[in-house]
Amino acid sequence: MLSGKYLPDWFITGLLFMIVAAWLVPGIGMTETLVNLGNVIDAGVILIFFFYGLKLDPEKLRRGMSNWRMHLAVQSTTFIIFPLLILPFYPIFRDTPREIFWTGMFFLAALPSTVSSSVVMVSIAGGNIPGAIFNASISGIIGIIMTPFWMGLFLTSQSAGFEFGHVIVQLVTQIIMPVAAGLLLHQYFVRWVTRHLPKLAMFDKIIILLIVYESFSHSFMAGIFSQVSWLALILLCVAVIILFFVVMYLTRLMAKLLKFKREDMITLVFAGSKKSLVHGSVFASVLFAGISGAGIYLLPIMIYHAFQLFYISVVARRMALATIL
């Protein structure tokens, strides 16, 4: 049985609860007042990335750059191979009712890797822990540029609610500036951050749950899901899981071709195949603000998040056991 430490069932349950709540009672706190759900989420996103910057140690990042072959492999998988696996299907879905599902899958593919669970799983499996920390940290920084870049190629032509200039301003004020401020203040608050890591992780999850509720509220109020069949949702789940296993296979193959040591192979497979729901949610609150299909855009990363936690937990424990034996 998987430990709750590595499979946060309460959070996954919370995600499902927020979707149901948005279906039954959409729009709570979304009225045009000074203190509404949107303003709370905007403030929460700024704090998430400020705390993310506080947690980044510039000196450790500099020291971690030596194993450049592994780092290049991980980041290439995250930001190049992932999107290129989804990109060829665009002509099939373009200008069809199912294009929104493709966009959601492409959004998943364009996201950075997750931080905490990547490091935990690499540690359990006996991989390169410093390499996992470096790649998970740098992935979030690269994602601030690469995720909006990839999505901007398609959202401008797909949605009238997408204003690229407005998105750039929000990216700078809500993401880039808070991260930069956190990095500058890291040396003064590093002990405080270390003491409060569990609370900061809890704060991240609460903001994510609010973003999920708001996104799905917009979608339900616009009637987006009334046009979606159960078959389409099942096929979406299958597509997400297939993508996961394809990337797992490709990272193993890449590690073999590059003749990585076992520790580096584990880090490449685990860090390269994972995607961050934290970044997915907060990026969605910026990129898809005011777009009625925001809930569907979030579905693939939510499915991927739950599945990757389950499967990688099993694989990590098997690798650890094989090492012992």
C-alpha atoms as a PDB file:
ATOM      1  CA  MET A   1       0.000   0.000   0.000  1.00  0.00           C
ATOM      2  CA  LEU A   2       1.306   3.462  -0.892  1.00  0.00           C
ATOM      3  CA  SER A   3       2.074   5.819   1.945  1.00  0.00           C
ATOM      4  CA  GLY A   4       0.099   9.044   2.208  1.00  0.00           C
ATOM      5  CA  LYS A   5       3.466  10.790   2.338  1.00  0.00           C
ATOM      6  CA  TYR A   6       3.971  10.114  -1.353  1.00  0.00           C
ATOM      7  CA  LEU A   7       0.393   9.978  -2.584  1.00  0.00           C
ATOM      8  CA  PRO A   8      -1.565  12.969  -1.231  1.00  0.00           C
ATOM      9  CA  ASP A   9      -5.043  11.468  -1.496  1.00  0.00           C
ATOM     10  CA  TRP A  10      -6.581  14.407   0.377  1.00  0.00           C
ATOM     11  CA  PHE A  11      -5.390  16.806  -2.312  1.00  0.00           C
ATOM     12  CA  ILE A  12      -6.622  14.691  -5.205  1.00  0.00           C
ATOM     13  CA  THR A  13      -9.926  14.312  -3.360  1.00  0.00           C
ATOM     14  CA  GLY A  14      -9.934  18.093  -2.903  1.00  0.00           C
ATOM     15  CA  LEU A  15      -9.497  18.603  -6.642  1.00  0.00           C
ATOM     16  CA  LEU A  16     -12.494  16.373  -7.335  1.00  0.00           C
ATOM     17  CA  PHE A  17     -14.510  18.166  -4.647  1.00  0.00           C
ATOM     18  CA  MET A  18     -13.776  21.560  -6.239  1.00  0.00           C
ATOM     19  CA  ILE A  19     -14.926  20.304  -9.640  1.00  0.00           C
ATOM     20  CA  VAL A  20     -18.176  19.004  -8.121  1.00  0.00           C
ATOM     21  CA  ALA A  21     -18.629  22.263  -6.166  1.00  0.00           C
ATOM     22  CA  ALA A  22     -18.119  24.278  -9.355  1.00  0.00           C
ATOM     23  CA  TRP A  23     -20.745  22.110 -11.061  1.00  0.00           C
ATOM     24  CA  LEU A  24     -23.314  22.357  -8.263  1.00  0.00           C
ATOM     25  CA  VAL A  25     -22.698  25.945  -7.102  1.00  0.00           C
ATOM     26  CA  PRO A  26     -20.601  27.833  -9.668  1.00  0.00           C
ATOM     27  CA  GLY A  27     -19.496  31.421  -9.215  1.00  0.00           C
ATOM     28  CA  ILE A  28     -19.071  31.656  -5.433  1.00  0.00           C
ATOM     29  CA  GLY A  29     -17.010  34.760  -4.645  1.00  0.00           C
ATOM     30  CA  MET A  30     -16.720  35.713  -8.314  1.00  0.00           C
ATOM     31  CA  THR A  31     -18.788  38.912  -8.165  1.00  0.00           C
ATOM     32  CA  GLU A  32     -17.240  42.242  -9.175  1.00  0.00           C
ATOM     33  CA  THR A  33     -16.164  43.430  -5.723  1.00  0.00           C
ATOM     34  CA  LEU A  34     -12.817  44.603  -4.376  1.00  0.00           C
ATOM     35  CA  VAL A  35     -12.221  41.374  -2.459  1.00  0.00           C
ATOM     36  CA  ASN A  36     -13.363  38.513  -4.661  1.00  0.00           C
ATOM     37  CA  LEU A  37     -12.057  35.089  -5.595  1.00  0.00           C
ATOM     38  CA  GLY A  38     -10.093  36.402  -8.574  1.00  0.00           C
ATOM     39  CA  ASN A  39      -8.219  38.929  -6.446  1.00  0.00           C
ATOM     40  CA  VAL A  40      -7.473  36.300  -3.797  1.00  0.00           C
ATOM     41  CA  ILE A  41      -6.090  33.976  -6.488  1.00  0.00           C
ATOM     42  CA  ASP A  42      -3.989  36.764  -8.037  1.00  0.00           C
ATOM     43  CA  ALA A  43      -2.467  37.533  -4.633  1.00  0.00           C
ATOM     44  CA  GLY A  44      -1.967  33.810  -3.992  1.00  0.00           C
ATOM     45  CA  VAL A  45      -0.144  33.337  -7.317  1.00  0.00           C
ATOM     46  CA  ILE A  46       2.213  36.218  -6.497  1.00  0.00           C
ATOM     47  CA  LEU A  47       2.973  34.700  -3.085  1.00  0.00           C
ATOM     48  CA  ILE A  48       3.483  31.207  -4.531  1.00  0.00           C
ATOM     49  CA  PHE A  49       6.192  32.470  -6.882  1.00  0.00           C
ATOM     50  CA  PHE A  50       7.683  34.770  -4.246  1.00  0.00           C
ATOM     51  CA  PHE A  51       8.046  31.784  -1.906  1.00  0.00           C
ATOM     52  CA  TYR A  52       9.384  29.746  -4.848  1.00  0.00           C
ATOM     53  CA  GLY A  53      12.109  32.365  -5.313  1.00  0.00           C
ATOM     54  CA  LEU A  54      12.865  32.344  -1.585  1.00  0.00           C
ATOM     55  CA  LYS A  55      13.382  28.570  -1.708  1.00  0.00           C
ATOM     56  CA  LEU A  56      15.883  28.777  -4.589  1.00  0.00           C
ATOM     57  CA  ASP A  57      19.512  28.887  -3.474  1.00  0.00           C
ATOM     58  CA  PRO A  58      21.550  30.718  -6.163  1.00  0.00           C
ATOM     59  CA  GLU A  59      24.805  29.202  -4.923  1.00  0.00           C
ATOM     60  CA  LYS A  60      23.453  25.635  -5.120  1.00  0.00           C
ATOM     61  CA  LEU A  61      22.144  26.339  -8.611  1.00  0.00           C
ATOM     62  CA  ARG A  62      25.593  27.487  -9.711  1.00  0.00           C
ATOM     63  CA  ARG A  63      27.273  24.417  -8.199  1.00  0.00           C
ATOM     64  CA  GLY A  64      24.718  22.091  -9.739  1.00  0.00           C
ATOM     65  CA  MET A  65      25.456  23.121 -13.328  1.00  0.00           C
ATOM     66  CA  SER A  66      28.494  20.822 -13.694  1.00  0.00           C
ATOM     67  CA  ASN A  67      26.552  17.733 -14.843  1.00  0.00           C
ATOM     68  CA  TRP A  68      25.418  19.544 -17.981  1.00  0.00           C
ATOM     69  CA  ARG A  69      24.675  16.437 -20.092  1.00  0.00           C
ATOM     70  CA  MET A  70      22.040  15.198 -17.657  1.00  0.00           C
ATOM     71  CA  HIS A  71      20.592  18.680 -17.173  1.00  0.00           C
ATOM     72  CA  LEU A  72      20.329  19.207 -20.927  1.00  0.00           C
ATOM     73  CA  ALA A  73      18.619  15.825 -21.332  1.00  0.00           C
ATOM     74  CA  VAL A  74      16.057  16.561 -18.598  1.00  0.00           C
ATOM     75  CA  GLN A  75      15.199  20.059 -19.804  1.00  0.00           C
ATOM     76  CA  SER A  76      15.076  18.975 -23.462  1.00  0.00           C
ATOM     77  CA  THR A  77      12.600  16.262 -22.508  1.00  0.00           C
ATOM     78  CA  THR A  78      10.487  18.676 -20.473  1.00  0.00           C
ATOM     79  CA  PHE A  79      10.289  21.576 -22.915  1.00  0.00           C
ATOM     80  CA  ILE A  80      11.056  20.125 -26.364  1.00  0.00           C
ATOM     81  CA  ILE A  81      10.273  16.409 -26.595  1.00  0.00           C
ATOM     82  CA  PHE A  82       6.997  16.685 -24.656  1.00  0.00           C
ATOM     83  CA  PRO A  83       5.519  19.443 -26.879  1.00  0.00           C
ATOM     84  CA  LEU A  84       6.822  17.822 -30.071  1.00  0.00           C
ATOM     85  CA  LEU A  85       4.941  14.616 -29.179  1.00  0.00           C
ATOM     86  CA  ILE A  86       1.636  16.546 -29.140  1.00  0.00           C
ATOM     87  CA  LEU A  87       2.315  19.039 -31.937  1.00  0.00           C
ATOM     88  CA  PRO A  88       1.837  16.614 -34.895  1.00  0.00           C
ATOM     89  CA  PHE A  89      -1.800  16.030 -33.858  1.00  0.00           C
ATOM     90  CA  TYR A  90      -2.717  19.723 -34.212  1.00  0.00           C
ATOM     91  CA  PRO A  91      -3.816  19.502 -37.887  1.00  0.00           C
ATOM     92  CA  ILE A  92      -6.208  16.686 -36.941  1.00  0.00           C
ATOM     93  CA  PHE A  93      -7.983  18.700 -34.227  1.00  0.00           C
ATOM     94  CA  ARG A  94      -7.626  22.204 -35.651  1.00  0.00           C
ATOM     95  CA  ASP A  95     -10.951  24.002 -36.217  1.00  0.00           C
ATOM     96  CA  THR A  96     -12.935  21.095 -34.747  1.00  0.00           C
ATOM     97  CA  PRO A  97     -14.995  20.899 -31.528  1.00  0.00           C
ATOM     98  CA  ARG A  98     -12.200  18.748 -30.047  1.00  0.00           C
ATOM     99  CA  GLU A  99      -9.473  21.371 -30.519  1.00  0.00           C
ATOM    100  CA  ILE A 100      -9.910  22.433 -26.891  1.00  0.00           C
ATOM    101  CA  PHE A 101      -8.796  18.946 -25.775  1.00  0.00           C
ATOM    102  CA  TRP A 102      -5.678  19.192 -27.927  1.00  0.00           C
ATOM    103  CA  THR A 103      -4.905  22.581 -26.383  1.00  0.00           C
ATOM    104  CA  GLY A 104      -5.224  21.076 -22.909  1.00  0.00           C
ATOM    105  CA  MET A 105      -2.835  18.275 -23.849  1.00  0.00           C
ATOM    106  CA  PHE A 106      -0.391  20.766 -25.349  1.00  0.00           C
ATOM    107  CA  PHE A 107      -0.595  22.896 -22.203  1.00  0.00           C
ATOM    108  CA  LEU A 108       0.310  19.799 -20.171  1.00  0.00           C
ATOM    109  CA  ALA A 109       3.242  19.090 -22.498  1.00  0.00           C
ATOM    110  CA  ALA A 110       4.544  22.671 -22.236  1.00  0.00           C
ATOM    111  CA  LEU A 111       4.626  22.777 -18.418  1.00  0.00           C
ATOM    112  CA  PRO A 112       7.788  22.544 -16.271  1.00  0.00           C
ATOM    113  CA  SER A 113       8.636  19.572 -14.096  1.00  0.00           C
ATOM    114  CA  THR A 114       7.391  19.316 -10.535  1.00  0.00           C
ATOM    115  CA  VAL A 115       9.819  20.028  -7.689  1.00  0.00           C
ATOM    116  CA  SER A 116       9.068  18.263  -4.413  1.00  0.00           C
ATOM    117  CA  SER A 117       7.761  14.925  -5.673  1.00  0.00           C
ATOM    118  CA  SER A 118      10.573  14.609  -8.251  1.00  0.00           C
ATOM    119  CA  VAL A 119      13.193  14.996  -5.523  1.00  0.00           C
ATOM    120  CA  VAL A 120      11.367  12.637  -3.153  1.00  0.00           C
ATOM    121  CA  MET A 121      10.956   9.901  -5.770  1.00  0.00           C
ATOM    122  CA  VAL A 122      14.559  10.206  -6.995  1.00  0.00           C
ATOM    123  CA  SER A 123      15.702   9.916  -3.381  1.00  0.00           C
ATOM    124  CA  ILE A 124      13.611   6.770  -2.787  1.00  0.00           C
ATOM    125  CA  ALA A 125      14.881   5.104  -5.976  1.00  0.00           C
ATOM    126  CA  GLY A 126      18.528   5.919  -5.239  1.00  0.00           C
ATOM    127  CA  GLY A 127      19.055   8.474  -7.996  1.00  0.00           C
ATOM    128  CA  ASN A 128      21.143  11.630  -8.286  1.00  0.00           C
ATOM    129  CA  ILE A 129      19.477  13.817  -5.642  1.00  0.00           C
ATOM    130  CA  PRO A 130      21.504  17.041  -6.250  1.00  0.00           C
ATOM    131  CA  GLY A 131      20.778  16.643  -9.957  1.00  0.00           C
ATOM    132  CA  ALA A 132      17.057  16.231  -9.247  1.00  0.00           C
ATOM    133  CA  ILE A 133      17.012  19.338  -7.044  1.00  0.00           C
ATOM    134  CA  PHE A 134      18.845  21.387  -9.668  1.00  0.00           C
ATOM    135  CA  ASN A 135      16.652  20.265 -12.576  1.00  0.00           C
ATOM    136  CA  ALA A 136      13.385  20.647 -10.705  1.00  0.00           C
ATOM    137  CA  SER A 137      14.381  24.136  -9.596  1.00  0.00           C
ATOM    138  CA  ILE A 138      15.714  25.340 -12.940  1.00  0.00           C
ATOM    139  CA  SER A 139      12.719  23.805 -14.743  1.00  0.00           C
ATOM    140  CA  GLY A 140      10.366  26.161 -12.947  1.00  0.00           C
ATOM    141  CA  ILE A 141      12.467  29.153 -13.993  1.00  0.00           C
ATOM    142  CA  ILE A 142      12.693  28.033 -17.635  1.00  0.00           C
ATOM    143  CA  GLY A 143       8.960  27.329 -17.619  1.00  0.00           C
ATOM    144  CA  ILE A 144       8.205  30.987 -16.893  1.00  0.00           C
ATOM    145  CA  ILE A 145       9.434  31.673 -20.427  1.00  0.00           C
ATOM    146  CA  MET A 146       8.842  28.429 -22.339  1.00  0.00           C
ATOM    147  CA  THR A 147       5.274  27.623 -21.268  1.00  0.00           C
ATOM    148  CA  PRO A 148       3.822  31.020 -22.308  1.00  0.00           C
ATOM    149  CA  PHE A 149       5.939  30.881 -25.484  1.00  0.00           C
ATOM    150  CA  TRP A 150       4.522  27.511 -26.569  1.00  0.00           C
ATOM    151  CA  MET A 151       0.953  28.424 -25.619  1.00  0.00           C
ATOM    152  CA  GLY A 152       1.142  31.856 -27.254  1.00  0.00           C
ATOM    153  CA  LEU A 153       1.700  30.154 -30.624  1.00  0.00           C
ATOM    154  CA  PHE A 154      -1.837  28.733 -30.534  1.00  0.00           C
ATOM    155  CA  LEU A 155      -4.020  30.607 -28.056  1.00  0.00           C
ATOM    156  CA  THR A 156      -3.918  33.874 -30.012  1.00  0.00           C
ATOM    157  CA  SER A 157      -5.667  32.201 -32.931  1.00  0.00           C
ATOM    158  CA  GLN A 158      -7.974  29.984 -30.886  1.00  0.00           C
ATOM    159  CA  SER A 159      -9.590  32.271 -28.352  1.00  0.00           C
ATOM    160  CA  ALA A 160     -10.975  35.765 -28.479  1.00  0.00           C
ATOM    161  CA  GLY A 161     -10.440  35.927 -24.706  1.00  0.00           C
ATOM    162  CA  PHE A 162      -6.664  35.666 -25.052  1.00  0.00           C
ATOM    163  CA  GLU A 163      -4.868  39.027 -25.121  1.00  0.00           C
ATOM    164  CA  PHE A 164      -1.125  38.485 -25.464  1.00  0.00           C
ATOM    165  CA  GLY A 165      -0.116  41.960 -24.238  1.00  0.00           C
ATOM    166  CA  HIS A 166      -2.242  41.599 -21.102  1.00  0.00           C
ATOM    167  CA  VAL A 167      -0.784  38.136 -20.472  1.00  0.00           C
ATOM    168  CA  ILE A 168       2.779  39.477 -20.723  1.00  0.00           C
ATOM    169  CA  VAL A 169       2.020  42.144 -18.119  1.00  0.00           C
ATOM    170  CA  GLN A 170       0.533  39.527 -15.787  1.00  0.00           C
ATOM    171  CA  LEU A 171       3.492  37.185 -16.301  1.00  0.00           C
ATOM    172  CA  VAL A 172       5.902  39.953 -15.342  1.00  0.00           C
ATOM    173  CA  THR A 173       3.948  41.246 -12.335  1.00  0.00           C
ATOM    174  CA  GLN A 174       2.594  37.964 -10.939  1.00  0.00           C
ATOM    175  CA  ILE A 175       5.422  35.538 -11.752  1.00  0.00           C
ATOM    176  CA  ILE A 176       8.751  36.996 -12.902  1.00  0.00           C
ATOM    177  CA  MET A 177       8.971  39.889 -10.426  1.00  0.00           C
ATOM    178  CA  PRO A 178       7.963  37.777  -7.378  1.00  0.00           C
ATOM    179  CA  VAL A 179      10.521  35.076  -8.286  1.00  0.00           C
ATOM    180  CA  ALA A 180      13.228  37.711  -8.718  1.00  0.00           C
ATOM    181  CA  ALA A 181      12.305  39.325  -5.388  1.00  0.00           C
ATOM    182  CA  GLY A 182      12.410  35.930  -3.670  1.00  0.00           C
ATOM    183  CA  LEU A 183      15.841  35.164  -5.114  1.00  0.00           C
ATOM    184  CA  LEU A 184      17.196  38.506  -3.906  1.00  0.00           C
ATOM    185  CA  LEU A 185      15.832  37.937  -0.396  1.00  0.00           C
ATOM    186  CA  HIS A 186      16.776  34.243  -0.186  1.00  0.00           C
ATOM    187  CA  GLN A 187      19.807  34.774   2.061  1.00  0.00           C
ATOM    188  CA  TYR A 188      17.721  36.704   4.606  1.00  0.00           C
ATOM    189  CA  PHE A 189      14.776  34.316   4.796  1.00  0.00           C
ATOM    190  CA  VAL A 190      16.327  30.888   4.094  1.00  0.00           C
ATOM    191  CA  ARG A 191      15.939  29.711   7.710  1.00  0.00           C
ATOM    192  CA  TRP A 192      12.344  30.925   7.864  1.00  0.00           C
ATOM    193  CA  VAL A 193      11.539  29.129   4.608  1.00  0.00           C
ATOM    194  CA  THR A 194      13.154  25.905   5.812  1.00  0.00           C
ATOM    195  CA  ARG A 195      11.121  25.950   9.034  1.00  0.00           C
ATOM    196  CA  HIS A 196       7.856  26.582   7.226  1.00  0.00           C
ATOM    197  CA  LEU A 197       8.180  24.330   4.146  1.00  0.00           C
ATOM    198  CA  PRO A 198       5.126  22.159   5.069  1.00  0.00           C
ATOM    199  CA  LYS A 199       2.987  25.272   5.596  1.00  0.00           C
ATOM    200  CA  LEU A 200       4.148  26.767   2.306  1.00  0.00           C
ATOM    201  CA  ALA A 201       3.302  23.518   0.513  1.00  0.00           C
ATOM    202  CA  MET A 202      -0.153  23.609   2.104  1.00  0.00           C
ATOM    203  CA  PHE A 203      -0.598  27.221   0.962  1.00  0.00           C
ATOM    204  CA  ASP A 204       0.296  26.220  -2.620  1.00  0.00           C
ATOM    205  CA  LYS A 205      -2.333  23.484  -2.607  1.00  0.00           C
ATOM    206  CA  ILE A 206      -5.046  25.763  -1.216  1.00  0.00           C
ATOM    207  CA  ILE A 207      -4.460  28.315  -3.988  1.00  0.00           C
ATOM    208  CA  ILE A 208      -4.505  25.507  -6.569  1.00  0.00           C
ATOM    209  CA  LEU A 209      -7.873  24.310  -5.260  1.00  0.00           C
ATOM    210  CA  LEU A 210      -9.261  27.848  -5.560  1.00  0.00           C
ATOM    211  CA  ILE A 211      -7.928  28.141  -9.128  1.00  0.00           C
ATOM    212  CA  VAL A 212      -9.525  24.808 -10.044  1.00  0.00           C
ATOM    213  CA  TYR A 213     -12.872  25.940  -8.608  1.00  0.00           C
ATOM    214  CA  GLU A 214     -12.751  29.271 -10.465  1.00  0.00           C
ATOM    215  CA  SER A 215     -11.672  27.677 -13.774  1.00  0.00           C
ATOM    216  CA  PHE A 216     -14.357  25.008 -13.690  1.00  0.00           C
ATOM    217  CA  SER A 217     -16.968  27.541 -12.569  1.00  0.00           C
ATOM    218  CA  HIS A 218     -16.306  29.564 -15.726  1.00  0.00           C
ATOM    219  CA  SER A 219     -16.588  26.413 -17.826  1.00  0.00           C
ATOM    220  CA  PHE A 220     -19.809  25.175 -16.214  1.00  0.00           C
ATOM    221  CA  MET A 221     -21.450  28.624 -16.369  1.00  0.00           C
ATOM    222  CA  ALA A 222     -20.571  28.824 -20.071  1.00  0.00           C
ATOM    223  CA  GLY A 223     -21.997  25.350 -20.685  1.00  0.00           C
ATOM    224  CA  ILE A 224     -18.695  23.993 -22.002  1.00  0.00           C
ATOM    225  CA  PHE A 225     -19.058  20.578 -20.358  1.00  0.00           C
ATOM    226  CA  SER A 226     -22.607  20.116 -21.617  1.00  0.00           C
ATOM    227  CA  GLN A 227     -21.016  19.643 -25.040  1.00  0.00           C
ATOM    228  CA  VAL A 228     -18.498  17.031 -23.800  1.00  0.00           C
ATOM    229  CA  SER A 229     -19.348  13.335 -23.802  1.00  0.00           C
ATOM    230  CA  TRP A 230     -18.134  10.751 -21.295  1.00  0.00           C
ATOM    231  CA  LEU A 231     -16.405   8.979 -24.185  1.00  0.00           C
ATOM    232  CA  ALA A 232     -14.369  12.110 -24.910  1.00  0.00           C
ATOM    233  CA  LEU A 233     -13.293  12.336 -21.254  1.00  0.00           C
ATOM    234  CA  ILE A 234     -12.327   8.658 -21.186  1.00  0.00           C
ATOM    235  CA  LEU A 235     -10.292   9.070 -24.379  1.00  0.00           C
ATOM    236  CA  LEU A 236      -8.601  12.104 -22.826  1.00  0.00           C
ATOM    237  CA  CYS A 237      -7.573  10.002 -19.815  1.00  0.00           C
ATOM    238  CA  VAL A 238      -6.203   7.320 -22.131  1.00  0.00           C
ATOM    239  CA  ALA A 239      -4.275   9.910 -24.165  1.00  0.00           C
ATOM    240  CA  VAL A 240      -2.713  11.374 -21.000  1.00  0.00           C
ATOM    241  CA  ILE A 241      -1.599   7.959 -19.750  1.00  0.00           C
ATOM    242  CA  ILE A 242      -0.195   6.997 -23.165  1.00  0.00           C
ATOM    243  CA  LEU A 243       1.794  10.256 -23.218  1.00  0.00           C
ATOM    244  CA  PHE A 244       3.210   9.435 -19.792  1.00  0.00           C
ATOM    245  CA  PHE A 245       4.434   5.978 -20.824  1.00  0.00           C
ATOM    246  CA  VAL A 246       5.846   7.220 -24.142  1.00  0.00           C
ATOM    247  CA  VAL A 247       7.938   9.818 -22.310  1.00  0.00           C
ATOM    248  CA  MET A 248       9.026   7.253 -19.714  1.00  0.00           C
ATOM    249  CA  TYR A 249      10.221   4.982 -22.543  1.00  0.00           C
ATOM    250  CA  LEU A 250      11.999   7.827 -24.365  1.00  0.00           C
ATOM    251  CA  THR A 251      13.832   8.997 -21.228  1.00  0.00           C
ATOM    252  CA  ARG A 252      15.045   5.449 -20.549  1.00  0.00           C
ATOM    253  CA  LEU A 253      16.176   5.144 -24.163  1.00  0.00           C
ATOM    254  CA  MET A 254      17.933   8.519 -24.001  1.00  0.00           C
ATOM    255  CA  ALA A 255      19.743   7.529 -20.797  1.00  0.00           C
ATOM    256  CA  LYS A 256      20.894   4.301 -22.451  1.00  0.00           C
ATOM    257  CA  LEU A 257      22.113   6.042 -25.617  1.00  0.00           C
ATOM    258  CA  LEU A 258      23.970   8.678 -23.576  1.00  0.00           C
ATOM    259  CA  LYS A 259      25.427   5.933 -21.348  1.00  0.00           C
ATOM    260  CA  PHE A 260      24.282   7.562 -18.123  1.00  0.00           C
ATOM    261  CA  LYS A 261      25.116   6.057 -14.778  1.00  0.00           C
ATOM    262  CA  ARG A 262      22.217   4.429 -12.935  1.00  0.00           C
ATOM    263  CA  GLU A 263      21.807   7.461 -10.635  1.00  0.00           C
ATOM    264  CA  ASP A 264      21.640   9.890 -13.557  1.00  0.00           C
ATOM    265  CA  MET A 265      19.283   7.579 -15.463  1.00  0.00           C
ATOM    266  CA  ILE A 266      16.843   7.576 -12.537  1.00  0.00           C
ATOM    267  CA  THR A 267      16.932  11.380 -12.336  1.00  0.00           C
ATOM    268  CA  LEU A 268      16.354  11.750 -16.072  1.00  0.00           C
ATOM    269  CA  VAL A 269      13.427   9.308 -16.072  1.00  0.00           C
ATOM    270  CA  PHE A 270      11.748  10.735 -12.988  1.00  0.00           C
ATOM    271  CA  ALA A 271      12.412  14.467 -13.431  1.00  0.00           C
ATOM    272  CA  GLY A 272      11.981  14.360 -17.200  1.00  0.00           C
ATOM    273  CA  SER A 273       8.635  12.574 -17.147  1.00  0.00           C
ATOM    274  CA  LYS A 274       6.942  14.612 -14.408  1.00  0.00           C
ATOM    275  CA  LYS A 275       4.808  17.730 -14.830  1.00  0.00           C
ATOM    276  CA  SER A 276       3.898  20.340 -12.239  1.00  0.00           C
ATOM    277  CA  LEU A 277       0.261  20.856 -11.264  1.00  0.00           C
ATOM    278  CA  VAL A 278       1.350  23.862  -9.173  1.00  0.00           C
ATOM    279  CA  HIS A 279       2.793  25.639 -12.203  1.00  0.00           C
ATOM    280  CA  GLY A 280      -0.037  24.360 -14.395  1.00  0.00           C
ATOM    281  CA  SER A 281      -2.676  25.874 -12.143  1.00  0.00           C
ATOM    282  CA  VAL A 282      -1.001  29.229 -11.656  1.00  0.00           C
ATOM    283  CA  PHE A 283      -0.056  29.544 -15.334  1.00  0.00           C
ATOM    284  CA  ALA A 284      -3.656  28.686 -16.222  1.00  0.00           C
ATOM    285  CA  SER A 285      -4.920  31.499 -13.985  1.00  0.00           C
ATOM    286  CA  VAL A 286      -2.841  33.896 -16.101  1.00  0.00           C
ATOM    287  CA  LEU A 287      -2.971  32.391 -19.594  1.00  0.00           C
ATOM    288  CA  PHE A 288      -6.643  31.368 -19.549  1.00  0.00           C
ATOM    289  CA  ALA A 289      -8.077  34.219 -17.482  1.00  0.00           C
ATOM    290  CA  GLY A 290     -11.547  35.006 -18.809  1.00  0.00           C
ATOM    291  CA  ILE A 291     -11.568  32.028 -21.198  1.00  0.00           C
ATOM    292  CA  SER A 292     -14.634  29.833 -20.692  1.00  0.00           C
ATOM    293  CA  GLY A 293     -12.813  26.584 -21.515  1.00  0.00           C
ATOM    294  CA  ALA A 294     -10.255  26.983 -18.719  1.00  0.00           C
ATOM    295  CA  GLY A 295     -11.607  23.946 -16.879  1.00  0.00           C
ATOM    296  CA  ILE A 296     -10.983  21.651 -19.820  1.00  0.00           C
ATOM    297  CA  TYR A 297      -7.482  23.084 -20.289  1.00  0.00           C
ATOM    298  CA  LEU A 298      -6.694  21.999 -16.717  1.00  0.00           C
ATOM    299  CA  LEU A 299      -8.085  18.464 -17.011  1.00  0.00           C
ATOM    300  CA  PRO A 300      -5.018  16.823 -18.649  1.00  0.00           C
ATOM    301  CA  ILE A 301      -2.524  18.107 -16.047  1.00  0.00           C
ATOM    302  CA  MET A 302      -4.870  17.078 -13.218  1.00  0.00           C
ATOM    303  CA  ILE A 303      -5.153  13.556 -14.643  1.00  0.00           C
ATOM    304  CA  TYR A 304      -1.409  13.421 -15.295  1.00  0.00           C
ATOM    305  CA  HIS A 305      -0.629  14.638 -11.772  1.00  0.00           C
ATOM    306  CA  ALA A 306      -2.671  11.898 -10.113  1.00  0.00           C
ATOM    307  CA  PHE A 307      -1.341   9.140 -12.373  1.00  0.00           C
ATOM    308  CA  GLN A 308       2.327  10.170 -12.175  1.00  0.00           C
ATOM    309  CA  LEU A 309       2.214  10.190  -8.374  1.00  0.00           C
ATOM    310  CA  PHE A 310       0.741   6.705  -8.269  1.00  0.00           C
ATOM    311  CA  TYR A 311       2.927   5.085 -10.909  1.00  0.00           C
ATOM    312  CA  ILE A 312       6.237   6.779 -10.065  1.00  0.00           C
ATOM    313  CA  SER A 313       5.728   5.895  -6.386  1.00  0.00           C
ATOM    314  CA  VAL A 314       5.462   2.216  -7.326  1.00  0.00           C
ATOM    315  CA  VAL A 315       8.472   2.363  -9.669  1.00  0.00           C
ATOM    316  CA  ALA A 316      10.624   4.232  -7.125  1.00  0.00           C
ATOM    317  CA  ARG A 317       9.929   1.647  -4.430  1.00  0.00           C
ATOM    318  CA  ARG A 318      10.735  -1.223  -6.802  1.00  0.00           C
ATOM    319  CA  MET A 319      14.027   0.410  -7.760  1.00  0.00           C
ATOM    320  CA  ALA A 320      14.899   0.932  -4.106  1.00  0.00           C
ATOM    321  CA  LEU A 321      14.119  -2.704  -3.338  1.00  0.00           C
ATOM    322  CA  ALA A 322      16.222  -3.896  -6.297  1.00  0.00           C
ATOM    323  CA  THR A 323      19.156  -1.843  -5.015  1.00  0.00           C
ATOM    324  CA  ILE A 324      18.896  -3.423  -1.561  1.00  0.00           C
ATOM    325  CA  LEU A 325      18.680  -6.928  -2.974  1.00  0.00           C
END
